N, C-alpha and C. Protein backbone atom coordinates (compact mmCIF):
# COMPACT_ATOMS: atom_id res chain seq x y z
N MET A 1 11.26 2.81 -36.40
CA MET A 1 11.13 2.50 -37.80
C MET A 1 9.72 2.80 -38.30
N GLU A 2 8.71 2.44 -37.50
CA GLU A 2 7.33 2.65 -37.92
C GLU A 2 7.08 4.11 -38.30
N ARG A 3 7.57 5.02 -37.46
CA ARG A 3 7.35 6.44 -37.71
C ARG A 3 8.00 6.85 -39.02
N GLN A 4 9.21 6.38 -39.29
CA GLN A 4 9.92 6.76 -40.51
C GLN A 4 9.21 6.22 -41.76
N ILE A 5 8.76 4.99 -41.71
CA ILE A 5 8.02 4.41 -42.84
C ILE A 5 6.70 5.15 -43.01
N ASP A 6 6.04 5.42 -41.91
CA ASP A 6 4.77 6.15 -41.95
C ASP A 6 4.96 7.52 -42.61
N GLU A 7 5.94 8.27 -42.15
CA GLU A 7 6.15 9.61 -42.69
C GLU A 7 6.53 9.59 -44.16
N LYS A 8 7.40 8.68 -44.54
CA LYS A 8 7.92 8.67 -45.91
C LYS A 8 6.94 8.06 -46.92
N TYR A 9 6.21 7.03 -46.51
CA TYR A 9 5.40 6.29 -47.47
C TYR A 9 3.89 6.35 -47.22
N VAL A 10 3.47 6.20 -45.99
CA VAL A 10 2.03 6.13 -45.71
C VAL A 10 1.39 7.51 -45.82
N GLN A 11 1.96 8.49 -45.12
CA GLN A 11 1.37 9.83 -45.14
C GLN A 11 1.41 10.47 -46.52
N SER A 12 2.36 10.06 -47.34
CA SER A 12 2.45 10.62 -48.69
C SER A 12 1.54 9.89 -49.68
N GLY A 13 0.89 8.82 -49.23
CA GLY A 13 -0.04 8.09 -50.09
C GLY A 13 0.61 7.02 -50.94
N ILE A 14 1.88 6.76 -50.77
CA ILE A 14 2.58 5.74 -51.56
C ILE A 14 2.21 4.34 -51.07
N VAL A 15 2.09 4.18 -49.76
CA VAL A 15 1.80 2.89 -49.15
C VAL A 15 0.51 3.01 -48.36
N ARG A 16 -0.30 1.97 -48.44
CA ARG A 16 -1.50 1.88 -47.61
C ARG A 16 -1.19 0.88 -46.51
N PHE A 17 -1.38 1.30 -45.28
CA PHE A 17 -1.13 0.43 -44.15
C PHE A 17 -2.45 -0.05 -43.59
N GLY A 18 -2.59 -1.33 -43.47
CA GLY A 18 -3.78 -1.93 -42.87
C GLY A 18 -3.34 -2.99 -41.89
N TYR A 19 -4.23 -3.36 -41.03
CA TYR A 19 -3.91 -4.36 -40.02
C TYR A 19 -5.01 -5.41 -40.04
N GLN A 20 -4.59 -6.67 -40.02
CA GLN A 20 -5.55 -7.77 -39.90
C GLN A 20 -5.13 -8.63 -38.73
N GLN A 21 -6.12 -9.16 -38.05
CA GLN A 21 -5.85 -10.08 -36.95
C GLN A 21 -5.30 -11.38 -37.52
N PHE A 22 -4.42 -12.01 -36.76
CA PHE A 22 -3.86 -13.30 -37.14
C PHE A 22 -3.71 -14.12 -35.86
N ALA A 23 -4.79 -14.75 -35.47
CA ALA A 23 -4.86 -15.48 -34.21
C ALA A 23 -4.75 -16.98 -34.48
N VAL A 24 -3.56 -17.52 -34.30
CA VAL A 24 -3.35 -18.93 -34.62
C VAL A 24 -2.75 -19.73 -33.47
N LEU A 25 -2.65 -19.13 -32.30
CA LEU A 25 -1.98 -19.81 -31.20
C LEU A 25 -2.95 -20.37 -30.17
N GLY A 26 -4.22 -20.48 -30.53
CA GLY A 26 -5.18 -21.07 -29.60
C GLY A 26 -6.09 -20.04 -28.96
N PRO A 27 -6.79 -20.46 -27.91
CA PRO A 27 -7.81 -19.62 -27.28
C PRO A 27 -7.30 -18.27 -26.79
N GLU A 28 -6.10 -18.23 -26.21
CA GLU A 28 -5.59 -16.95 -25.73
C GLU A 28 -5.33 -15.99 -26.88
N SER A 29 -4.86 -16.51 -27.97
CA SER A 29 -4.60 -15.69 -29.15
C SER A 29 -5.91 -15.10 -29.67
N ASP A 30 -6.94 -15.93 -29.74
CA ASP A 30 -8.26 -15.46 -30.19
C ASP A 30 -8.79 -14.38 -29.25
N ARG A 31 -8.67 -14.63 -27.95
CA ARG A 31 -9.18 -13.69 -26.95
C ARG A 31 -8.42 -12.36 -27.01
N ALA A 32 -7.10 -12.42 -27.16
CA ALA A 32 -6.30 -11.20 -27.24
C ALA A 32 -6.65 -10.39 -28.48
N ALA A 33 -6.87 -11.07 -29.60
CA ALA A 33 -7.24 -10.37 -30.84
C ALA A 33 -8.59 -9.68 -30.66
N ALA A 34 -9.55 -10.39 -30.09
CA ALA A 34 -10.87 -9.79 -29.85
C ALA A 34 -10.75 -8.62 -28.87
N ALA A 35 -9.92 -8.77 -27.86
CA ALA A 35 -9.74 -7.71 -26.87
C ALA A 35 -9.18 -6.44 -27.52
N SER A 36 -8.28 -6.60 -28.48
CA SER A 36 -7.73 -5.41 -29.15
C SER A 36 -8.82 -4.70 -29.95
N GLU A 37 -9.76 -5.45 -30.48
CA GLU A 37 -10.89 -4.83 -31.19
C GLU A 37 -11.80 -4.11 -30.20
N CYS A 38 -11.97 -4.68 -29.02
CA CYS A 38 -12.76 -4.00 -27.99
C CYS A 38 -12.06 -2.71 -27.55
N ALA A 39 -10.75 -2.74 -27.45
CA ALA A 39 -10.00 -1.53 -27.11
C ALA A 39 -10.15 -0.49 -28.22
N ASP A 40 -10.25 -0.96 -29.45
CA ASP A 40 -10.42 -0.03 -30.58
C ASP A 40 -11.73 0.74 -30.47
N GLU A 41 -12.74 0.14 -29.86
CA GLU A 41 -14.01 0.85 -29.65
C GLU A 41 -13.80 2.11 -28.79
N GLN A 42 -12.71 2.11 -28.03
CA GLN A 42 -12.37 3.26 -27.19
C GLN A 42 -11.14 4.00 -27.73
N GLN A 43 -10.90 3.86 -29.03
CA GLN A 43 -9.79 4.51 -29.73
C GLN A 43 -8.44 4.18 -29.11
N ALA A 44 -8.27 2.94 -28.68
CA ALA A 44 -7.02 2.55 -28.04
C ALA A 44 -6.43 1.28 -28.64
N PHE A 45 -6.71 1.04 -29.93
CA PHE A 45 -6.21 -0.20 -30.54
C PHE A 45 -4.70 -0.31 -30.42
N TRP A 46 -3.96 0.68 -30.92
CA TRP A 46 -2.50 0.57 -30.95
C TRP A 46 -1.87 0.55 -29.57
N PRO A 47 -2.27 1.41 -28.64
CA PRO A 47 -1.69 1.29 -27.30
C PRO A 47 -1.96 -0.09 -26.68
N TYR A 48 -3.17 -0.59 -26.88
CA TYR A 48 -3.53 -1.89 -26.33
C TYR A 48 -2.72 -2.99 -27.01
N HIS A 49 -2.71 -2.99 -28.32
CA HIS A 49 -1.95 -3.96 -29.11
C HIS A 49 -0.49 -3.99 -28.67
N ASN A 50 0.12 -2.81 -28.59
CA ASN A 50 1.53 -2.74 -28.24
C ASN A 50 1.81 -3.25 -26.83
N LYS A 51 0.91 -2.96 -25.92
CA LYS A 51 1.09 -3.44 -24.54
C LYS A 51 0.96 -4.97 -24.48
N LEU A 52 0.04 -5.53 -25.26
CA LEU A 52 -0.08 -6.99 -25.28
C LEU A 52 1.18 -7.64 -25.83
N TYR A 53 1.69 -7.11 -26.93
CA TYR A 53 2.91 -7.68 -27.51
C TYR A 53 4.07 -7.60 -26.53
N ALA A 54 4.15 -6.51 -25.80
CA ALA A 54 5.25 -6.33 -24.84
C ALA A 54 5.12 -7.27 -23.64
N SER A 55 3.91 -7.78 -23.39
CA SER A 55 3.70 -8.62 -22.20
C SER A 55 3.56 -10.10 -22.52
N GLN A 56 3.89 -10.52 -23.72
CA GLN A 56 3.79 -11.94 -24.05
C GLN A 56 4.77 -12.75 -23.21
N LYS A 57 4.32 -13.93 -22.80
CA LYS A 57 5.17 -14.80 -21.98
C LYS A 57 5.27 -16.20 -22.56
N GLY A 58 4.72 -16.43 -23.70
CA GLY A 58 4.68 -17.76 -24.27
C GLY A 58 3.26 -18.11 -24.63
N GLU A 59 3.13 -19.13 -25.42
CA GLU A 59 1.82 -19.51 -25.93
C GLU A 59 0.94 -20.14 -24.86
N ASN A 60 -0.27 -19.59 -24.72
CA ASN A 60 -1.31 -20.15 -23.87
C ASN A 60 -0.82 -20.49 -22.46
N GLN A 61 -0.16 -19.51 -21.84
CA GLN A 61 0.35 -19.68 -20.48
C GLN A 61 -0.33 -18.73 -19.49
N GLY A 62 -1.45 -18.16 -19.89
CA GLY A 62 -2.20 -17.31 -18.98
C GLY A 62 -2.00 -15.82 -19.15
N ALA A 63 -1.08 -15.41 -20.01
CA ALA A 63 -0.82 -13.98 -20.19
C ALA A 63 -2.04 -13.26 -20.75
N PHE A 64 -2.88 -13.95 -21.50
CA PHE A 64 -4.03 -13.33 -22.13
C PHE A 64 -5.35 -13.91 -21.62
N SER A 65 -5.40 -14.16 -20.33
CA SER A 65 -6.66 -14.56 -19.71
C SER A 65 -7.59 -13.36 -19.72
N ARG A 66 -8.86 -13.60 -19.49
CA ARG A 66 -9.83 -12.50 -19.44
C ARG A 66 -9.40 -11.46 -18.42
N GLU A 67 -8.94 -11.92 -17.26
CA GLU A 67 -8.53 -11.01 -16.19
C GLU A 67 -7.32 -10.18 -16.59
N SER A 68 -6.35 -10.82 -17.22
CA SER A 68 -5.15 -10.10 -17.66
C SER A 68 -5.48 -9.07 -18.73
N LEU A 69 -6.35 -9.43 -19.64
CA LEU A 69 -6.74 -8.50 -20.71
C LEU A 69 -7.48 -7.30 -20.14
N ALA A 70 -8.33 -7.54 -19.15
CA ALA A 70 -9.06 -6.44 -18.50
C ALA A 70 -8.09 -5.56 -17.71
N ARG A 71 -7.08 -6.17 -17.11
CA ARG A 71 -6.09 -5.40 -16.36
C ARG A 71 -5.32 -4.45 -17.29
N VAL A 72 -4.98 -4.93 -18.48
CA VAL A 72 -4.30 -4.07 -19.46
C VAL A 72 -5.21 -2.90 -19.84
N ALA A 73 -6.48 -3.20 -20.06
CA ALA A 73 -7.44 -2.13 -20.39
C ALA A 73 -7.47 -1.09 -19.28
N ALA A 74 -7.48 -1.53 -18.02
CA ALA A 74 -7.51 -0.61 -16.88
C ALA A 74 -6.23 0.21 -16.83
N GLU A 75 -5.09 -0.44 -17.09
CA GLU A 75 -3.80 0.28 -17.07
C GLU A 75 -3.77 1.39 -18.12
N LEU A 76 -4.49 1.19 -19.20
CA LEU A 76 -4.52 2.19 -20.27
C LEU A 76 -5.63 3.22 -20.05
N GLY A 77 -6.36 3.07 -18.95
CA GLY A 77 -7.41 4.04 -18.63
C GLY A 77 -8.70 3.85 -19.41
N LEU A 78 -8.92 2.65 -19.93
CA LEU A 78 -10.16 2.40 -20.67
C LEU A 78 -11.32 2.19 -19.70
N ASP A 79 -12.52 2.34 -20.22
CA ASP A 79 -13.73 2.04 -19.46
C ASP A 79 -13.79 0.51 -19.36
N THR A 80 -13.41 -0.02 -18.22
CA THR A 80 -13.30 -1.47 -18.10
C THR A 80 -14.65 -2.18 -18.13
N THR A 81 -15.70 -1.51 -17.68
CA THR A 81 -17.02 -2.14 -17.75
C THR A 81 -17.40 -2.36 -19.21
N ALA A 82 -17.26 -1.34 -20.03
CA ALA A 82 -17.57 -1.46 -21.46
C ALA A 82 -16.64 -2.46 -22.12
N PHE A 83 -15.38 -2.43 -21.74
CA PHE A 83 -14.40 -3.35 -22.32
C PHE A 83 -14.77 -4.80 -22.02
N LYS A 84 -15.07 -5.10 -20.76
CA LYS A 84 -15.42 -6.47 -20.37
C LYS A 84 -16.71 -6.92 -21.05
N GLU A 85 -17.69 -6.02 -21.13
CA GLU A 85 -18.94 -6.38 -21.81
C GLU A 85 -18.67 -6.73 -23.26
N CYS A 86 -17.83 -5.93 -23.91
CA CYS A 86 -17.48 -6.20 -25.30
C CYS A 86 -16.79 -7.56 -25.42
N LEU A 87 -15.78 -7.78 -24.60
CA LEU A 87 -15.03 -9.03 -24.66
C LEU A 87 -15.91 -10.24 -24.38
N ASP A 88 -16.75 -10.14 -23.37
CA ASP A 88 -17.62 -11.26 -22.99
C ASP A 88 -18.70 -11.53 -24.03
N SER A 89 -19.06 -10.52 -24.81
CA SER A 89 -20.13 -10.69 -25.79
C SER A 89 -19.72 -11.58 -26.97
N GLY A 90 -18.43 -11.68 -27.22
CA GLY A 90 -17.97 -12.48 -28.36
C GLY A 90 -18.20 -11.81 -29.70
N LYS A 91 -18.51 -10.52 -29.70
CA LYS A 91 -18.88 -9.83 -30.93
C LYS A 91 -17.79 -9.79 -31.98
N TYR A 92 -16.53 -9.98 -31.60
CA TYR A 92 -15.45 -9.93 -32.58
C TYR A 92 -14.88 -11.30 -32.94
N ALA A 93 -15.43 -12.36 -32.39
CA ALA A 93 -14.92 -13.70 -32.64
C ALA A 93 -14.95 -14.05 -34.14
N LYS A 94 -16.06 -13.78 -34.78
CA LYS A 94 -16.19 -14.11 -36.21
C LYS A 94 -15.21 -13.28 -37.04
N GLN A 95 -15.08 -11.99 -36.71
CA GLN A 95 -14.15 -11.13 -37.44
C GLN A 95 -12.72 -11.64 -37.32
N VAL A 96 -12.32 -12.02 -36.10
CA VAL A 96 -10.96 -12.52 -35.87
C VAL A 96 -10.72 -13.78 -36.69
N THR A 97 -11.68 -14.68 -36.69
CA THR A 97 -11.56 -15.92 -37.47
C THR A 97 -11.47 -15.62 -38.96
N GLN A 98 -12.33 -14.76 -39.45
CA GLN A 98 -12.32 -14.43 -40.88
C GLN A 98 -11.01 -13.77 -41.29
N GLU A 99 -10.50 -12.85 -40.49
CA GLU A 99 -9.25 -12.18 -40.82
C GLU A 99 -8.08 -13.15 -40.77
N THR A 100 -8.10 -14.07 -39.84
CA THR A 100 -7.04 -15.08 -39.74
C THR A 100 -7.04 -15.96 -40.98
N TYR A 101 -8.21 -16.44 -41.39
CA TYR A 101 -8.30 -17.27 -42.60
C TYR A 101 -7.89 -16.50 -43.84
N ALA A 102 -8.30 -15.25 -43.92
CA ALA A 102 -7.93 -14.42 -45.08
C ALA A 102 -6.42 -14.25 -45.15
N ALA A 103 -5.79 -14.00 -44.01
CA ALA A 103 -4.34 -13.84 -43.99
C ALA A 103 -3.64 -15.13 -44.39
N GLN A 104 -4.13 -16.26 -43.89
CA GLN A 104 -3.54 -17.54 -44.25
C GLN A 104 -3.66 -17.79 -45.76
N SER A 105 -4.79 -17.40 -46.34
CA SER A 105 -4.97 -17.61 -47.78
C SER A 105 -4.03 -16.76 -48.61
N LEU A 106 -3.48 -15.70 -48.01
CA LEU A 106 -2.52 -14.83 -48.70
C LEU A 106 -1.08 -15.27 -48.46
N GLY A 107 -0.90 -16.35 -47.71
CA GLY A 107 0.44 -16.86 -47.46
C GLY A 107 1.04 -16.47 -46.13
N VAL A 108 0.26 -15.83 -45.28
CA VAL A 108 0.77 -15.44 -43.96
C VAL A 108 0.86 -16.70 -43.10
N ARG A 109 2.03 -16.87 -42.47
CA ARG A 109 2.25 -18.04 -41.62
C ARG A 109 2.74 -17.68 -40.22
N ALA A 110 3.15 -16.42 -40.02
CA ALA A 110 3.69 -16.00 -38.73
C ALA A 110 3.52 -14.50 -38.58
N THR A 111 3.78 -14.02 -37.36
CA THR A 111 3.74 -12.58 -37.12
C THR A 111 5.13 -12.11 -36.74
N PRO A 112 5.46 -10.91 -37.11
CA PRO A 112 4.69 -10.07 -38.02
C PRO A 112 4.94 -10.48 -39.47
N THR A 113 3.95 -10.30 -40.30
CA THR A 113 4.07 -10.48 -41.74
C THR A 113 3.46 -9.26 -42.40
N PHE A 114 4.12 -8.77 -43.40
CA PHE A 114 3.66 -7.61 -44.16
C PHE A 114 3.43 -8.06 -45.59
N LEU A 115 2.42 -7.51 -46.21
CA LEU A 115 2.20 -7.77 -47.63
C LEU A 115 2.66 -6.54 -48.39
N ILE A 116 3.64 -6.75 -49.23
CA ILE A 116 4.14 -5.66 -50.06
C ILE A 116 3.82 -6.04 -51.50
N ASN A 117 2.84 -5.32 -52.05
CA ASN A 117 2.35 -5.61 -53.39
C ASN A 117 1.84 -7.05 -53.48
N GLY A 118 1.20 -7.51 -52.41
CA GLY A 118 0.63 -8.85 -52.38
C GLY A 118 1.61 -9.94 -52.00
N ARG A 119 2.87 -9.61 -51.85
CA ARG A 119 3.90 -10.60 -51.52
C ARG A 119 4.14 -10.60 -50.00
N PRO A 120 3.99 -11.76 -49.35
CA PRO A 120 4.23 -11.82 -47.91
C PRO A 120 5.71 -11.61 -47.59
N VAL A 121 5.97 -10.74 -46.64
CA VAL A 121 7.32 -10.50 -46.15
C VAL A 121 7.26 -10.72 -44.64
N GLN A 122 7.92 -11.76 -44.19
CA GLN A 122 7.83 -12.15 -42.79
C GLN A 122 8.96 -11.55 -41.97
N GLY A 123 8.62 -11.10 -40.78
CA GLY A 123 9.61 -10.63 -39.83
C GLY A 123 9.68 -9.13 -39.72
N ALA A 124 10.23 -8.70 -38.62
CA ALA A 124 10.44 -7.27 -38.37
C ALA A 124 11.79 -6.89 -38.97
N LEU A 125 11.76 -6.56 -40.23
CA LEU A 125 12.99 -6.24 -40.96
C LEU A 125 13.49 -4.85 -40.61
N PRO A 126 14.78 -4.62 -40.80
CA PRO A 126 15.29 -3.26 -40.63
C PRO A 126 14.63 -2.30 -41.62
N ARG A 127 14.53 -1.05 -41.23
CA ARG A 127 13.88 -0.03 -42.06
C ARG A 127 14.44 -0.01 -43.48
N GLU A 128 15.74 -0.13 -43.64
CA GLU A 128 16.35 -0.08 -44.96
C GLU A 128 15.82 -1.19 -45.87
N GLN A 129 15.61 -2.38 -45.31
CA GLN A 129 15.09 -3.49 -46.11
C GLN A 129 13.64 -3.23 -46.51
N PHE A 130 12.84 -2.68 -45.59
CA PHE A 130 11.47 -2.33 -45.93
C PHE A 130 11.45 -1.32 -47.06
N GLU A 131 12.27 -0.30 -46.94
CA GLU A 131 12.30 0.74 -47.97
C GLU A 131 12.71 0.15 -49.31
N GLN A 132 13.68 -0.74 -49.30
CA GLN A 132 14.12 -1.37 -50.55
C GLN A 132 12.98 -2.18 -51.17
N LEU A 133 12.27 -2.94 -50.37
CA LEU A 133 11.15 -3.74 -50.89
C LEU A 133 10.03 -2.84 -51.42
N ILE A 134 9.76 -1.76 -50.71
CA ILE A 134 8.73 -0.82 -51.17
C ILE A 134 9.15 -0.19 -52.49
N GLU A 135 10.38 0.24 -52.56
CA GLU A 135 10.87 0.88 -53.79
C GLU A 135 10.87 -0.10 -54.96
N GLU A 136 11.24 -1.36 -54.70
CA GLU A 136 11.20 -2.38 -55.76
C GLU A 136 9.76 -2.58 -56.25
N ALA A 137 8.83 -2.63 -55.31
CA ALA A 137 7.42 -2.80 -55.68
C ALA A 137 6.91 -1.60 -56.46
N ARG A 138 7.34 -0.42 -56.08
CA ARG A 138 6.93 0.80 -56.81
C ARG A 138 7.49 0.76 -58.23
N GLY A 139 8.72 0.32 -58.36
CA GLY A 139 9.35 0.26 -59.69
C GLY A 139 8.66 -0.72 -60.60
N SER A 140 8.15 -1.81 -60.05
CA SER A 140 7.47 -2.81 -60.89
C SER A 140 6.09 -2.34 -61.34
N GLN A 141 5.57 -1.28 -60.70
CA GLN A 141 4.24 -0.79 -61.08
C GLN A 141 4.31 0.37 -62.06
N ARG A 142 5.48 0.84 -62.32
CA ARG A 142 5.62 2.01 -63.22
C ARG A 142 5.68 1.58 -64.65
C-alpha cells in the first residue's frame, strides 16, 4: 500500500509525507525512537524502523534493549561503533520527546496515526480508505 500511495500522491506532490517519533510506551520506546534516528545518520531510517516494528514482542519486555538495538544495526550492516556512540550520547532524546509532545497536541494517541489535512486518522487502513480520505481532503481545499 505504501508504494501505491507514494506513487499516486506523494511523488506527484499532492501529499506531503513526514514522520514524527511517538514514544509513549516507556524507556524502551524512547530508546528505539532514538536508535532509529541514529540509524538515519547512516541513511537507514526506514530499514531500521521496519525491522524494529517487525520484532516487537510487547511493551518494555527487552526487545529494545541497547544490545538488541545494536544487534539490529549490525544485521542491517550499519557501522555499529558509530551507532552505539550515537545511541549512548543521548543526542536524540530531546527530539524524541518534543516530537512525541507535538504529536499528542495534534490528537495522536496511538500508532500508526496519520494526519490528513490536520485530522488524525488512526490505524493501518486499507489503501482504498486512505485514497478516499485524501480525495475528500483535496475536495475540501478546492
